Amino acid sequence: RLVEAGGGYVQPGGSLRLSCVGSGFTFRDACMKWFRQPPGADREDSELVAAISGTGENPFYDYSVKGRFTISRDNAKSTVYLQMNNLKLEDTGKYLCNFGGDNWGQGTQVTVSS
């Protein structure tokens, strides 16, 4: 099970910190990913935003968020985070975490608007 939290409404340039708590699987061994589901899109069309290995080494970022977002994890808390800075209008969407296959949380909505 995955439970996301931390979304909200923010102006451009603002920041949010998302979290995703995992249970029911060996969290420390899982490559955790954050996806963004754009408004009006199906979950299958979600975009990979960031990913982090079980050890936290060599995180991946989509070019659109590189330098603004930071993915991290705390294996002791079975939690992965996404620190989102300098948010832009195009960052709006439902953010979902995933550890592979059809293992999704319910998502948390991020709305960036002036």
N, C-alpha and C. Protein backbone atom coordinates (compact mmCIF):
# COMPACT_ATOMS: atom_id res chain seq x y z
N ARG A 1 0.84 -1.19 0.00
CA ARG A 1 0.00 0.00 0.00
C ARG A 1 0.88 1.25 0.00
N LEU A 2 0.44 2.25 -0.72
CA LEU A 2 1.16 3.53 -0.79
C LEU A 2 0.18 4.64 -0.46
N VAL A 3 0.60 5.56 0.41
CA VAL A 3 -0.24 6.68 0.80
C VAL A 3 0.53 7.98 0.63
N GLU A 4 0.06 8.81 -0.31
CA GLU A 4 0.72 10.09 -0.57
C GLU A 4 0.05 11.21 0.23
N ALA A 5 0.85 12.24 0.50
CA ALA A 5 0.32 13.42 1.19
C ALA A 5 1.20 14.61 0.86
N GLY A 6 0.70 15.81 1.18
CA GLY A 6 1.51 17.01 1.05
C GLY A 6 1.14 17.93 -0.10
N GLY A 7 0.20 17.51 -0.93
CA GLY A 7 -0.19 18.37 -2.03
C GLY A 7 -0.95 19.60 -1.54
N GLY A 8 -1.22 20.50 -2.48
CA GLY A 8 -1.96 21.69 -2.12
C GLY A 8 -1.98 22.69 -3.25
N TYR A 9 -2.40 23.89 -2.90
CA TYR A 9 -2.53 25.00 -3.85
C TYR A 9 -1.41 25.98 -3.55
N VAL A 10 -0.65 26.34 -4.59
CA VAL A 10 0.51 27.21 -4.38
C VAL A 10 0.69 28.13 -5.58
N GLN A 11 1.23 29.29 -5.34
CA GLN A 11 1.50 30.23 -6.42
C GLN A 11 2.80 29.85 -7.13
N PRO A 12 2.97 30.30 -8.36
CA PRO A 12 4.23 30.05 -9.04
C PRO A 12 5.41 30.56 -8.22
N GLY A 13 6.47 29.76 -8.20
CA GLY A 13 7.63 30.10 -7.38
C GLY A 13 7.59 29.52 -5.99
N GLY A 14 6.44 28.99 -5.61
CA GLY A 14 6.30 28.42 -4.27
C GLY A 14 6.89 27.03 -4.16
N SER A 15 6.75 26.45 -2.97
CA SER A 15 7.32 25.13 -2.68
C SER A 15 6.30 24.24 -1.99
N LEU A 16 6.46 22.96 -2.21
CA LEU A 16 5.69 21.94 -1.51
C LEU A 16 6.60 20.74 -1.27
N ARG A 17 6.27 19.98 -0.23
CA ARG A 17 6.99 18.73 0.03
C ARG A 17 6.00 17.59 0.10
N LEU A 18 6.12 16.69 -0.84
CA LEU A 18 5.24 15.54 -0.88
C LEU A 18 5.89 14.37 -0.13
N SER A 19 5.04 13.50 0.41
CA SER A 19 5.53 12.29 1.05
C SER A 19 4.69 11.11 0.60
N CYS A 20 5.30 9.95 0.64
CA CYS A 20 4.62 8.71 0.28
C CYS A 20 5.09 7.63 1.23
N VAL A 21 4.17 7.10 2.02
CA VAL A 21 4.49 6.04 2.96
C VAL A 21 4.10 4.70 2.36
N GLY A 22 5.04 3.75 2.38
CA GLY A 22 4.78 2.44 1.83
C GLY A 22 4.63 1.40 2.91
N SER A 23 3.82 0.40 2.65
CA SER A 23 3.65 -0.72 3.56
C SER A 23 3.27 -1.95 2.76
N GLY A 24 3.55 -3.12 3.35
CA GLY A 24 3.17 -4.36 2.69
C GLY A 24 4.19 -4.89 1.70
N PHE A 25 5.34 -4.26 1.64
CA PHE A 25 6.42 -4.73 0.79
C PHE A 25 7.74 -4.29 1.43
N THR A 26 8.85 -4.83 0.91
CA THR A 26 10.17 -4.51 1.47
C THR A 26 10.61 -3.17 0.91
N PHE A 27 10.28 -2.12 1.64
CA PHE A 27 10.47 -0.76 1.13
C PHE A 27 11.93 -0.50 0.76
N ARG A 28 12.86 -0.93 1.62
CA ARG A 28 14.26 -0.58 1.40
C ARG A 28 14.82 -1.18 0.10
N ASP A 29 14.19 -2.17 -0.43
CA ASP A 29 14.66 -2.81 -1.66
C ASP A 29 13.99 -2.23 -2.91
N ALA A 30 13.03 -1.37 -2.72
CA ALA A 30 12.22 -0.91 -3.84
C ALA A 30 12.75 0.39 -4.44
N CYS A 31 12.81 0.43 -5.74
CA CYS A 31 13.05 1.69 -6.45
C CYS A 31 11.73 2.46 -6.43
N MET A 32 11.73 3.60 -5.81
CA MET A 32 10.51 4.38 -5.66
C MET A 32 10.47 5.48 -6.71
N LYS A 33 9.28 5.72 -7.23
CA LYS A 33 9.11 6.68 -8.32
C LYS A 33 7.96 7.63 -8.01
N TRP A 34 8.11 8.85 -8.46
CA TRP A 34 7.03 9.83 -8.43
C TRP A 34 6.60 10.10 -9.87
N PHE A 35 5.29 10.03 -10.09
CA PHE A 35 4.70 10.34 -11.38
C PHE A 35 3.77 11.53 -11.24
N ARG A 36 3.58 12.24 -12.34
CA ARG A 36 2.60 13.33 -12.39
C ARG A 36 1.54 12.97 -13.42
N GLN A 37 0.30 12.98 -12.97
CA GLN A 37 -0.84 12.77 -13.86
C GLN A 37 -1.41 14.14 -14.22
N PRO A 38 -1.23 14.60 -15.45
CA PRO A 38 -1.70 15.93 -15.82
C PRO A 38 -3.23 16.02 -15.73
N PRO A 39 -3.76 17.22 -15.60
CA PRO A 39 -5.22 17.40 -15.54
C PRO A 39 -5.89 16.81 -16.78
N GLY A 40 -6.92 16.02 -16.57
CA GLY A 40 -7.67 15.44 -17.67
C GLY A 40 -7.06 14.19 -18.27
N ALA A 41 -5.89 13.81 -17.82
CA ALA A 41 -5.22 12.63 -18.38
C ALA A 41 -5.54 11.39 -17.57
N ASP A 42 -5.43 10.25 -18.21
CA ASP A 42 -5.58 8.99 -17.50
C ASP A 42 -4.30 8.68 -16.74
N ARG A 43 -4.42 7.84 -15.72
CA ARG A 43 -3.23 7.48 -14.96
C ARG A 43 -2.19 6.82 -15.85
N GLU A 44 -2.63 6.12 -16.87
CA GLU A 44 -1.70 5.45 -17.77
C GLU A 44 -0.82 6.44 -18.53
N ASP A 45 -1.27 7.68 -18.60
CA ASP A 45 -0.51 8.72 -19.30
C ASP A 45 0.31 9.57 -18.34
N SER A 46 0.47 9.11 -17.12
CA SER A 46 1.27 9.85 -16.14
C SER A 46 2.71 9.92 -16.60
N GLU A 47 3.38 10.97 -16.16
CA GLU A 47 4.76 11.23 -16.56
C GLU A 47 5.68 10.94 -15.38
N LEU A 48 6.76 10.25 -15.63
CA LEU A 48 7.74 9.99 -14.59
C LEU A 48 8.48 11.29 -14.28
N VAL A 49 8.43 11.68 -13.03
CA VAL A 49 9.06 12.93 -12.59
C VAL A 49 10.42 12.66 -11.97
N ALA A 50 10.48 11.68 -11.07
CA ALA A 50 11.72 11.39 -10.36
C ALA A 50 11.69 9.96 -9.86
N ALA A 51 12.87 9.40 -9.64
CA ALA A 51 12.98 8.04 -9.13
C ALA A 51 14.21 7.93 -8.25
N ILE A 52 14.17 7.00 -7.30
CA ILE A 52 15.29 6.83 -6.39
C ILE A 52 15.43 5.36 -6.05
N SER A 53 16.66 4.88 -6.07
CA SER A 53 16.92 3.48 -5.77
C SER A 53 16.78 3.22 -4.27
N GLY A 54 16.84 1.95 -3.90
CA GLY A 54 16.70 1.59 -2.50
C GLY A 54 17.75 2.20 -1.61
N THR A 55 18.95 2.37 -2.15
CA THR A 55 20.04 2.96 -1.38
C THR A 55 20.07 4.48 -1.48
N GLY A 56 19.27 5.04 -2.35
CA GLY A 56 19.23 6.50 -2.50
C GLY A 56 20.27 7.07 -3.44
N GLU A 57 21.03 6.19 -4.07
CA GLU A 57 22.08 6.68 -4.97
C GLU A 57 21.53 6.99 -6.35
N ASN A 58 22.21 7.93 -7.02
CA ASN A 58 21.92 8.26 -8.42
C ASN A 58 20.43 8.46 -8.70
N PRO A 59 19.80 9.39 -8.06
CA PRO A 59 18.39 9.64 -8.37
C PRO A 59 18.21 10.12 -9.80
N PHE A 60 17.04 9.83 -10.34
CA PHE A 60 16.68 10.26 -11.69
C PHE A 60 15.69 11.41 -11.60
N TYR A 61 15.85 12.38 -12.53
CA TYR A 61 14.90 13.48 -12.63
C TYR A 61 14.55 13.70 -14.10
N ASP A 62 13.29 13.96 -14.36
CA ASP A 62 12.91 14.41 -15.69
C ASP A 62 13.55 15.78 -15.91
N TYR A 63 13.87 16.07 -17.18
CA TYR A 63 14.55 17.33 -17.48
C TYR A 63 13.72 18.54 -17.03
N SER A 64 12.41 18.38 -17.01
CA SER A 64 11.54 19.52 -16.70
C SER A 64 11.59 19.93 -15.23
N VAL A 65 12.10 19.04 -14.37
CA VAL A 65 12.13 19.34 -12.94
C VAL A 65 13.53 19.38 -12.37
N LYS A 66 14.51 19.03 -13.19
CA LYS A 66 15.88 18.97 -12.71
C LYS A 66 16.31 20.34 -12.19
N GLY A 67 16.90 20.33 -11.00
CA GLY A 67 17.33 21.58 -10.40
C GLY A 67 16.28 22.25 -9.54
N ARG A 68 15.05 21.77 -9.64
CA ARG A 68 13.95 22.34 -8.82
C ARG A 68 13.38 21.32 -7.84
N PHE A 69 13.34 20.08 -8.22
CA PHE A 69 12.78 19.02 -7.37
C PHE A 69 13.92 18.16 -6.82
N THR A 70 13.71 17.63 -5.62
CA THR A 70 14.64 16.70 -5.00
C THR A 70 13.88 15.52 -4.44
N ILE A 71 14.27 14.33 -4.86
CA ILE A 71 13.66 13.12 -4.32
C ILE A 71 14.59 12.56 -3.25
N SER A 72 14.02 12.08 -2.17
CA SER A 72 14.81 11.49 -1.09
C SER A 72 13.97 10.40 -0.43
N ARG A 73 14.59 9.64 0.43
CA ARG A 73 13.85 8.58 1.11
C ARG A 73 14.41 8.36 2.50
N ASP A 74 13.57 7.85 3.36
CA ASP A 74 13.94 7.45 4.71
C ASP A 74 13.45 6.01 4.87
N ASN A 75 14.34 5.08 4.71
CA ASN A 75 13.93 3.67 4.75
C ASN A 75 13.44 3.25 6.13
N ALA A 76 13.94 3.90 7.17
CA ALA A 76 13.48 3.58 8.53
C ALA A 76 12.01 3.93 8.70
N LYS A 77 11.54 4.91 7.94
CA LYS A 77 10.14 5.33 8.00
C LYS A 77 9.33 4.84 6.81
N SER A 78 9.97 4.07 5.94
CA SER A 78 9.30 3.57 4.72
C SER A 78 8.64 4.71 3.96
N THR A 79 9.36 5.79 3.83
CA THR A 79 8.80 7.00 3.23
C THR A 79 9.73 7.56 2.16
N VAL A 80 9.13 7.97 1.06
CA VAL A 80 9.85 8.68 0.02
C VAL A 80 9.27 10.08 -0.07
N TYR A 81 10.13 11.05 -0.32
CA TYR A 81 9.73 12.45 -0.36
C TYR A 81 10.01 13.05 -1.74
N LEU A 82 9.29 14.11 -2.03
CA LEU A 82 9.58 14.91 -3.21
C LEU A 82 9.50 16.37 -2.79
N GLN A 83 10.67 17.00 -2.67
CA GLN A 83 10.72 18.43 -2.37
C GLN A 83 10.61 19.18 -3.69
N MET A 84 9.62 20.04 -3.79
CA MET A 84 9.32 20.74 -5.03
C MET A 84 9.50 22.24 -4.79
N ASN A 85 10.50 22.82 -5.41
CA ASN A 85 10.78 24.25 -5.28
C ASN A 85 10.57 24.96 -6.60
N ASN A 86 10.39 26.26 -6.52
CA ASN A 86 10.22 27.09 -7.72
C ASN A 86 9.16 26.47 -8.64
N LEU A 87 8.02 26.18 -8.07
CA LEU A 87 6.96 25.51 -8.82
C LEU A 87 6.45 26.37 -9.98
N LYS A 88 6.12 25.71 -11.06
CA LYS A 88 5.63 26.36 -12.26
C LYS A 88 4.20 25.88 -12.56
N LEU A 89 3.50 26.64 -13.39
CA LEU A 89 2.13 26.29 -13.73
C LEU A 89 2.04 24.87 -14.29
N GLU A 90 3.04 24.49 -15.08
CA GLU A 90 3.00 23.18 -15.72
C GLU A 90 3.29 22.03 -14.77
N ASP A 91 3.61 22.33 -13.52
CA ASP A 91 3.79 21.27 -12.53
C ASP A 91 2.45 20.80 -11.97
N THR A 92 1.39 21.46 -12.31
CA THR A 92 0.06 21.09 -11.82
C THR A 92 -0.31 19.68 -12.23
N GLY A 93 -0.89 18.93 -11.30
CA GLY A 93 -1.33 17.58 -11.59
C GLY A 93 -1.47 16.78 -10.32
N LYS A 94 -1.91 15.54 -10.48
CA LYS A 94 -1.97 14.63 -9.35
C LYS A 94 -0.64 13.87 -9.31
N TYR A 95 0.00 13.89 -8.17
CA TYR A 95 1.29 13.23 -8.01
C TYR A 95 1.08 11.88 -7.32
N LEU A 96 1.60 10.86 -7.95
CA LEU A 96 1.43 9.50 -7.46
C LEU A 96 2.80 8.85 -7.28
N CYS A 97 2.91 8.02 -6.25
CA CYS A 97 4.14 7.24 -6.12
C CYS A 97 3.87 5.79 -6.54
N ASN A 98 4.94 5.14 -6.86
CA ASN A 98 4.85 3.80 -7.46
C ASN A 98 6.15 3.09 -7.20
N PHE A 99 6.07 1.76 -7.01
CA PHE A 99 7.31 0.99 -6.86
C PHE A 99 7.39 -0.13 -7.89
N GLY A 100 6.68 0.08 -8.98
CA GLY A 100 6.76 -0.89 -10.06
C GLY A 100 5.43 -1.56 -10.29
N GLY A 101 5.18 -1.94 -11.53
CA GLY A 101 3.93 -2.61 -11.87
C GLY A 101 2.73 -1.72 -11.59
N ASP A 102 1.66 -2.35 -11.20
CA ASP A 102 0.41 -1.63 -10.96
C ASP A 102 0.23 -1.31 -9.48
N ASN A 103 1.31 -0.86 -8.86
CA ASN A 103 1.30 -0.54 -7.44
C ASN A 103 1.31 0.96 -7.24
N TRP A 104 0.13 1.54 -7.13
CA TRP A 104 -0.05 2.98 -7.05
C TRP A 104 -0.74 3.38 -5.76
N GLY A 105 -0.41 4.60 -5.32
CA GLY A 105 -1.18 5.20 -4.24
C GLY A 105 -2.37 5.92 -4.83
N GLN A 106 -3.11 6.62 -3.97
CA GLN A 106 -4.29 7.35 -4.44
C GLN A 106 -3.92 8.70 -5.03
N GLY A 107 -2.70 9.16 -4.75
CA GLY A 107 -2.23 10.42 -5.30
C GLY A 107 -2.54 11.60 -4.41
N THR A 108 -1.81 12.68 -4.65
CA THR A 108 -2.04 13.95 -3.95
C THR A 108 -2.01 15.06 -4.98
N GLN A 109 -2.99 15.95 -4.92
CA GLN A 109 -3.15 16.97 -5.95
C GLN A 109 -2.26 18.17 -5.68
N VAL A 110 -1.56 18.61 -6.71
CA VAL A 110 -0.75 19.82 -6.66
C VAL A 110 -1.30 20.78 -7.71
N THR A 111 -1.68 21.97 -7.26
CA THR A 111 -2.20 22.98 -8.16
C THR A 111 -1.34 24.23 -8.04
N VAL A 112 -0.72 24.62 -9.14
CA VAL A 112 0.10 25.82 -9.18
C VAL A 112 -0.65 26.86 -10.00
N SER A 113 -1.02 27.93 -9.36
CA SER A 113 -1.83 28.93 -10.04
C SER A 113 -1.61 30.30 -9.41
N SER A 114 -1.66 31.33 -10.24
CA SER A 114 -1.55 32.69 -9.72
C SER A 114 -2.93 33.28 -9.50
